[in-house]
Amino acid sequence: MSFEIDINYKSYIKGMDDYIKEFEKLKKENPQEAKIRAKESLIESGVLDEEGNPKKQICD
């Protein structure tokens, strides 16, 4: 069981590392698109509301 958790953890971390590398590449190649994607990600993850403003729970 511990082995499976370790594999899942490492896979998750690798996925996040890959995402960050791709995002940094996009930021250099197309800063405007990177900004749009970042905002969409923050909305999808619940940090920002649909208008792009920080949610009250985040600010308090």
PDB file of N, CA and C in Angstrom:
ATOM      1  N   MET A   1       0.824  -1.194   0.000  1.00  0.00           N
ATOM      2  CA  MET A   1       0.000   0.000   0.000  1.00  0.00           C
ATOM      3  C   MET A   1       0.864   1.253   0.000  1.00  0.00           C
ATOM      4  N   SER A   2       1.880   1.293   0.833  1.00  0.00           N
ATOM      5  CA  SER A   2       2.767   2.451   0.905  1.00  0.00           C
ATOM      6  C   SER A   2       3.460   2.686  -0.437  1.00  0.00           C
ATOM      7  N   PHE A   3       3.817   1.609  -1.115  1.00  0.00           N
ATOM      8  CA  PHE A   3       4.466   1.704  -2.418  1.00  0.00           C
ATOM      9  C   PHE A   3       3.547   2.389  -3.423  1.00  0.00           C
ATOM     10  N   GLU A   4       2.258   2.024  -3.428  1.00  0.00           N
ATOM     11  CA  GLU A   4       1.291   2.633  -4.347  1.00  0.00           C
ATOM     12  C   GLU A   4       1.125   4.117  -4.061  1.00  0.00           C
ATOM     13  N   ILE A   5       1.064   4.478  -2.809  1.00  0.00           N
ATOM     14  CA  ILE A   5       0.934   5.887  -2.432  1.00  0.00           C
ATOM     15  C   ILE A   5       2.161   6.656  -2.898  1.00  0.00           C
ATOM     16  N   ASP A   6       3.334   6.070  -2.722  1.00  0.00           N
ATOM     17  CA  ASP A   6       4.577   6.714  -3.136  1.00  0.00           C
ATOM     18  C   ASP A   6       4.590   6.945  -4.645  1.00  0.00           C
ATOM     19  N   ILE A   7       4.144   5.953  -5.419  1.00  0.00           N
ATOM     20  CA  ILE A   7       4.092   6.092  -6.878  1.00  0.00           C
ATOM     21  C   ILE A   7       3.105   7.192  -7.261  1.00  0.00           C
ATOM     22  N   ASN A   8       1.934   7.208  -6.645  1.00  0.00           N
ATOM     23  CA  ASN A   8       0.939   8.229  -6.955  1.00  0.00           C
ATOM     24  C   ASN A   8       1.455   9.619  -6.605  1.00  0.00           C
ATOM     25  N   TYR A   9       2.119   9.735  -5.473  1.00  0.00           N
ATOM     26  CA  TYR A   9       2.679  11.009  -5.039  1.00  0.00           C
ATOM     27  C   TYR A   9       3.724  11.496  -6.036  1.00  0.00           C
ATOM     28  N   LYS A  10       4.637  10.609  -6.418  1.00  0.00           N
ATOM     29  CA  LYS A  10       5.688  10.978  -7.369  1.00  0.00           C
ATOM     30  C   LYS A  10       5.094  11.336  -8.727  1.00  0.00           C
ATOM     31  N   SER A  11       4.081  10.607  -9.143  1.00  0.00           N
ATOM     32  CA  SER A  11       3.418  10.894 -10.413  1.00  0.00           C
ATOM     33  C   SER A  11       2.748  12.266 -10.380  1.00  0.00           C
ATOM     34  N   TYR A  12       2.113  12.580  -9.269  1.00  0.00           N
ATOM     35  CA  TYR A  12       1.460  13.880  -9.104  1.00  0.00           C
ATOM     36  C   TYR A  12       2.486  15.010  -9.160  1.00  0.00           C
ATOM     37  N   ILE A  13       3.590  14.845  -8.440  1.00  0.00           N
ATOM     38  CA  ILE A  13       4.644  15.865  -8.417  1.00  0.00           C
ATOM     39  C   ILE A  13       5.242  16.040  -9.812  1.00  0.00           C
ATOM     40  N   LYS A  14       5.488  14.944 -10.513  1.00  0.00           N
ATOM     41  CA  LYS A  14       6.033  15.029 -11.865  1.00  0.00           C
ATOM     42  C   LYS A  14       5.055  15.751 -12.782  1.00  0.00           C
ATOM     43  N   GLY A  15       3.780  15.456 -12.645  1.00  0.00           N
ATOM     44  CA  GLY A  15       2.772  16.134 -13.451  1.00  0.00           C
ATOM     45  C   GLY A  15       2.757  17.630 -13.202  1.00  0.00           C
ATOM     46  N   MET A  16       2.877  18.017 -11.942  1.00  0.00           N
ATOM     47  CA  MET A  16       2.913  19.445 -11.610  1.00  0.00           C
ATOM     48  C   MET A  16       4.184  20.092 -12.159  1.00  0.00           C
ATOM     49  N   ASP A  17       5.309  19.410 -12.046  1.00  0.00           N
ATOM     50  CA  ASP A  17       6.561  19.937 -12.600  1.00  0.00           C
ATOM     51  C   ASP A  17       6.446  20.139 -14.111  1.00  0.00           C
ATOM     52  N   ASP A  18       5.867  19.161 -14.801  1.00  0.00           N
ATOM     53  CA  ASP A  18       5.677  19.266 -16.250  1.00  0.00           C
ATOM     54  C   ASP A  18       4.753  20.432 -16.593  1.00  0.00           C
ATOM     55  N   TYR A  19       3.681  20.584 -15.833  1.00  0.00           N
ATOM     56  CA  TYR A  19       2.730  21.681 -16.049  1.00  0.00           C
ATOM     57  C   TYR A  19       3.428  23.029 -15.893  1.00  0.00           C
ATOM     58  N   ILE A  20       4.231  23.172 -14.866  1.00  0.00           N
ATOM     59  CA  ILE A  20       4.940  24.435 -14.615  1.00  0.00           C
ATOM     60  C   ILE A  20       5.932  24.725 -15.737  1.00  0.00           C
ATOM     61  N   LYS A  21       6.667  23.712 -16.178  1.00  0.00           N
ATOM     62  CA  LYS A  21       7.622  23.911 -17.274  1.00  0.00           C
ATOM     63  C   LYS A  21       6.905  24.357 -18.546  1.00  0.00           C
ATOM     64  N   GLU A  22       5.798  23.703 -18.874  1.00  0.00           N
ATOM     65  CA  GLU A  22       5.034  24.078 -20.062  1.00  0.00           C
ATOM     66  C   GLU A  22       4.475  25.490 -19.931  1.00  0.00           C
ATOM     67  N   PHE A  23       4.018  25.830 -18.741  1.00  0.00           N
ATOM     68  CA  PHE A  23       3.455  27.154 -18.518  1.00  0.00           C
ATOM     69  C   PHE A  23       4.533  28.228 -18.633  1.00  0.00           C
ATOM     70  N   GLU A  24       5.724  27.966 -18.099  1.00  0.00           N
ATOM     71  CA  GLU A  24       6.831  28.919 -18.216  1.00  0.00           C
ATOM     72  C   GLU A  24       7.229  29.110 -19.678  1.00  0.00           C
ATOM     73  N   LYS A  25       7.210  28.032 -20.446  1.00  0.00           N
ATOM     74  CA  LYS A  25       7.507  28.113 -21.877  1.00  0.00           C
ATOM     75  C   LYS A  25       6.453  28.967 -22.585  1.00  0.00           C
ATOM     76  N   LEU A  26       5.186  28.724 -22.289  1.00  0.00           N
ATOM     77  CA  LEU A  26       4.105  29.499 -22.889  1.00  0.00           C
ATOM     78  C   LEU A  26       4.228  30.971 -22.516  1.00  0.00           C
ATOM     79  N   LYS A  27       4.590  31.247 -21.286  1.00  0.00           N
ATOM     80  CA  LYS A  27       4.724  32.629 -20.822  1.00  0.00           C
ATOM     81  C   LYS A  27       5.767  33.387 -21.644  1.00  0.00           C
ATOM     82  N   LYS A  28       6.838  32.712 -22.025  1.00  0.00           N
ATOM     83  CA  LYS A  28       7.869  33.347 -22.854  1.00  0.00           C
ATOM     84  C   LYS A  28       7.403  33.515 -24.296  1.00  0.00           C
ATOM     85  N   GLU A  29       6.701  32.503 -24.813  1.00  0.00           N
ATOM     86  CA  GLU A  29       6.286  32.516 -26.215  1.00  0.00           C
ATOM     87  C   GLU A  29       5.054  33.379 -26.462  1.00  0.00           C
ATOM     88  N   ASN A  30       4.119  33.363 -25.514  1.00  0.00           N
ATOM     89  CA  ASN A  30       2.863  34.080 -25.708  1.00  0.00           C
ATOM     90  C   ASN A  30       2.327  34.529 -24.347  1.00  0.00           C
ATOM     91  N   PRO A  31       2.848  35.640 -23.824  1.00  0.00           N
ATOM     92  CA  PRO A  31       2.461  36.089 -22.480  1.00  0.00           C
ATOM     93  C   PRO A  31       0.959  36.319 -22.309  1.00  0.00           C
ATOM     94  N   GLN A  32       0.304  36.826 -23.339  1.00  0.00           N
ATOM     95  CA  GLN A  32      -1.135  37.093 -23.229  1.00  0.00           C
ATOM     96  C   GLN A  32      -1.922  35.793 -23.063  1.00  0.00           C
ATOM     97  N   GLU A  33      -1.579  34.779 -23.846  1.00  0.00           N
ATOM     98  CA  GLU A  33      -2.246  33.478 -23.730  1.00  0.00           C
ATOM     99  C   GLU A  33      -1.968  32.857 -22.364  1.00  0.00           C
ATOM    100  N   ALA A  34      -0.757  33.003 -21.868  1.00  0.00           N
ATOM    101  CA  ALA A  34      -0.414  32.479 -20.542  1.00  0.00           C
ATOM    102  C   ALA A  34      -1.270  33.140 -19.470  1.00  0.00           C
ATOM    103  N   LYS A  35      -1.469  34.438 -19.591  1.00  0.00           N
ATOM    104  CA  LYS A  35      -2.291  35.167 -18.620  1.00  0.00           C
ATOM    105  C   LYS A  35      -3.739  34.675 -18.656  1.00  0.00           C
ATOM    106  N   ILE A  36      -4.257  34.469 -19.849  1.00  0.00           N
ATOM    107  CA  ILE A  36      -5.634  33.973 -19.996  1.00  0.00           C
ATOM    108  C   ILE A  36      -5.764  32.587 -19.366  1.00  0.00           C
ATOM    109  N   ARG A  37      -4.826  31.700 -19.674  1.00  0.00           N
ATOM    110  CA  ARG A  37      -4.884  30.333 -19.123  1.00  0.00           C
ATOM    111  C   ARG A  37      -4.738  30.327 -17.608  1.00  0.00           C
ATOM    112  N   ALA A  38      -3.864  31.187 -17.092  1.00  0.00           N
ATOM    113  CA  ALA A  38      -3.676  31.255 -15.637  1.00  0.00           C
ATOM    114  C   ALA A  38      -4.967  31.693 -14.961  1.00  0.00           C
ATOM    115  N   LYS A  39      -5.614  32.702 -15.523  1.00  0.00           N
ATOM    116  CA  LYS A  39      -6.874  33.189 -14.952  1.00  0.00           C
ATOM    117  C   LYS A  39      -7.940  32.097 -15.004  1.00  0.00           C
ATOM    118  N   GLU A  40      -8.039  31.406 -16.141  1.00  0.00           N
ATOM    119  CA  GLU A  40      -9.009  30.309 -16.268  1.00  0.00           C
ATOM    120  C   GLU A  40      -8.739  29.217 -15.231  1.00  0.00           C
ATOM    121  N   SER A  41      -7.479  28.901 -15.017  1.00  0.00           N
ATOM    122  CA  SER A  41      -7.122  27.872 -14.031  1.00  0.00           C
ATOM    123  C   SER A  41      -7.517  28.294 -12.623  1.00  0.00           C
ATOM    124  N   LEU A  42      -7.306  29.564 -12.296  1.00  0.00           N
ATOM    125  CA  LEU A  42      -7.673  30.059 -10.966  1.00  0.00           C
ATOM    126  C   LEU A  42      -9.186  30.075 -10.777  1.00  0.00           C
ATOM    127  N   ILE A  43      -9.928  30.349 -11.845  1.00  0.00           N
ATOM    128  CA  ILE A  43     -11.393  30.291 -11.769  1.00  0.00           C
ATOM    129  C   ILE A  43     -11.833  28.844 -11.576  1.00  0.00           C
ATOM    130  N   GLU A  44     -11.285  27.930 -12.384  1.00  0.00           N
ATOM    131  CA  GLU A  44     -11.651  26.512 -12.288  1.00  0.00           C
ATOM    132  C   GLU A  44     -11.307  25.910 -10.931  1.00  0.00           C
ATOM    133  N   SER A  45     -10.209  26.356 -10.341  1.00  0.00           N
ATOM    134  CA  SER A  45      -9.793  25.791  -9.054  1.00  0.00           C
ATOM    135  C   SER A  45     -10.515  26.430  -7.874  1.00  0.00           C
ATOM    136  N   GLY A  46     -11.297  27.478  -8.134  1.00  0.00           N
ATOM    137  CA  GLY A  46     -12.095  28.083  -7.073  1.00  0.00           C
ATOM    138  C   GLY A  46     -11.428  29.225  -6.336  1.00  0.00           C
ATOM    139  N   VAL A  47     -10.281  29.679  -6.806  1.00  0.00           N
ATOM    140  CA  VAL A  47      -9.607  30.805  -6.162  1.00  0.00           C
ATOM    141  C   VAL A  47     -10.274  32.117  -6.568  1.00  0.00           C
ATOM    142  N   LEU A  48     -10.656  32.200  -7.855  1.00  0.00           N
ATOM    143  CA  LEU A  48     -11.340  33.386  -8.369  1.00  0.00           C
ATOM    144  C   LEU A  48     -12.785  33.053  -8.692  1.00  0.00           C
ATOM    145  N   ASP A  49     -13.659  34.076  -8.607  1.00  0.00           N
ATOM    146  CA  ASP A  49     -15.041  33.880  -9.031  1.00  0.00           C
ATOM    147  C   ASP A  49     -15.114  33.979 -10.556  1.00  0.00           C
ATOM    148  N   GLU A  50     -16.309  33.855 -11.110  1.00  0.00           N
ATOM    149  CA  GLU A  50     -16.482  33.855 -12.563  1.00  0.00           C
ATOM    150  C   GLU A  50     -16.042  35.161 -13.224  1.00  0.00           C
ATOM    151  N   GLU A  51     -16.024  36.264 -12.473  1.00  0.00           N
ATOM    152  CA  GLU A  51     -15.586  37.547 -13.022  1.00  0.00           C
ATOM    153  C   GLU A  51     -14.076  37.743 -12.888  1.00  0.00           C
ATOM    154  N   GLY A  52     -13.405  36.805 -12.244  1.00  0.00           N
ATOM    155  CA  GLY A  52     -11.962  36.903 -12.084  1.00  0.00           C
ATOM    156  C   GLY A  52     -11.524  37.597 -10.812  1.00  0.00           C
ATOM    157  N   ASN A  53     -12.461  37.803  -9.893  1.00  0.00           N
ATOM    158  CA  ASN A  53     -12.136  38.431  -8.611  1.00  0.00           C
ATOM    159  C   ASN A  53     -11.852  37.356  -7.562  1.00  0.00           C
ATOM    160  N   PRO A  54     -10.927  37.626  -6.638  1.00  0.00           N
ATOM    161  CA  PRO A  54     -10.670  36.649  -5.574  1.00  0.00           C
ATOM    162  C   PRO A  54     -11.940  36.384  -4.764  1.00  0.00           C
ATOM    163  N   LYS A  55     -12.185  35.123  -4.461  1.00  0.00           N
ATOM    164  CA  LYS A  55     -13.357  34.784  -3.656  1.00  0.00           C
ATOM    165  C   LYS A  55     -13.170  35.283  -2.230  1.00  0.00           C
ATOM    166  N   LYS A  56     -14.276  35.603  -1.590  1.00  0.00           N
ATOM    167  CA  LYS A  56     -14.252  36.154  -0.231  1.00  0.00           C
ATOM    168  C   LYS A  56     -13.490  35.238   0.730  1.00  0.00           C
ATOM    169  N   GLN A  57     -13.677  33.925   0.600  1.00  0.00           N
ATOM    170  CA  GLN A  57     -13.013  32.977   1.491  1.00  0.00           C
ATOM    171  C   GLN A  57     -11.490  33.039   1.340  1.00  0.00           C
ATOM    172  N   ILE A  58     -11.006  33.427   0.180  1.00  0.00           N
ATOM    173  CA  ILE A  58      -9.567  33.515  -0.064  1.00  0.00           C
ATOM    174  C   ILE A  58      -9.003  34.784   0.565  1.00  0.00           C
ATOM    175  N   CYS A  59      -9.766  35.861   0.499  1.00  0.00           N
ATOM    176  CA  CYS A  59      -9.281  37.171   0.975  1.00  0.00           C
ATOM    177  C   CYS A  59      -9.371  37.324   2.483  1.00  0.00           C
ATOM    178  N   ASP A  60     -10.312  36.660   3.121  1.00  0.00           N
ATOM    179  CA  ASP A  60     -10.504  36.835   4.573  1.00  0.00           C
ATOM    180  C   ASP A  60      -9.514  36.046   5.385  1.00  0.00           C
TER     181      ASP A  60
END
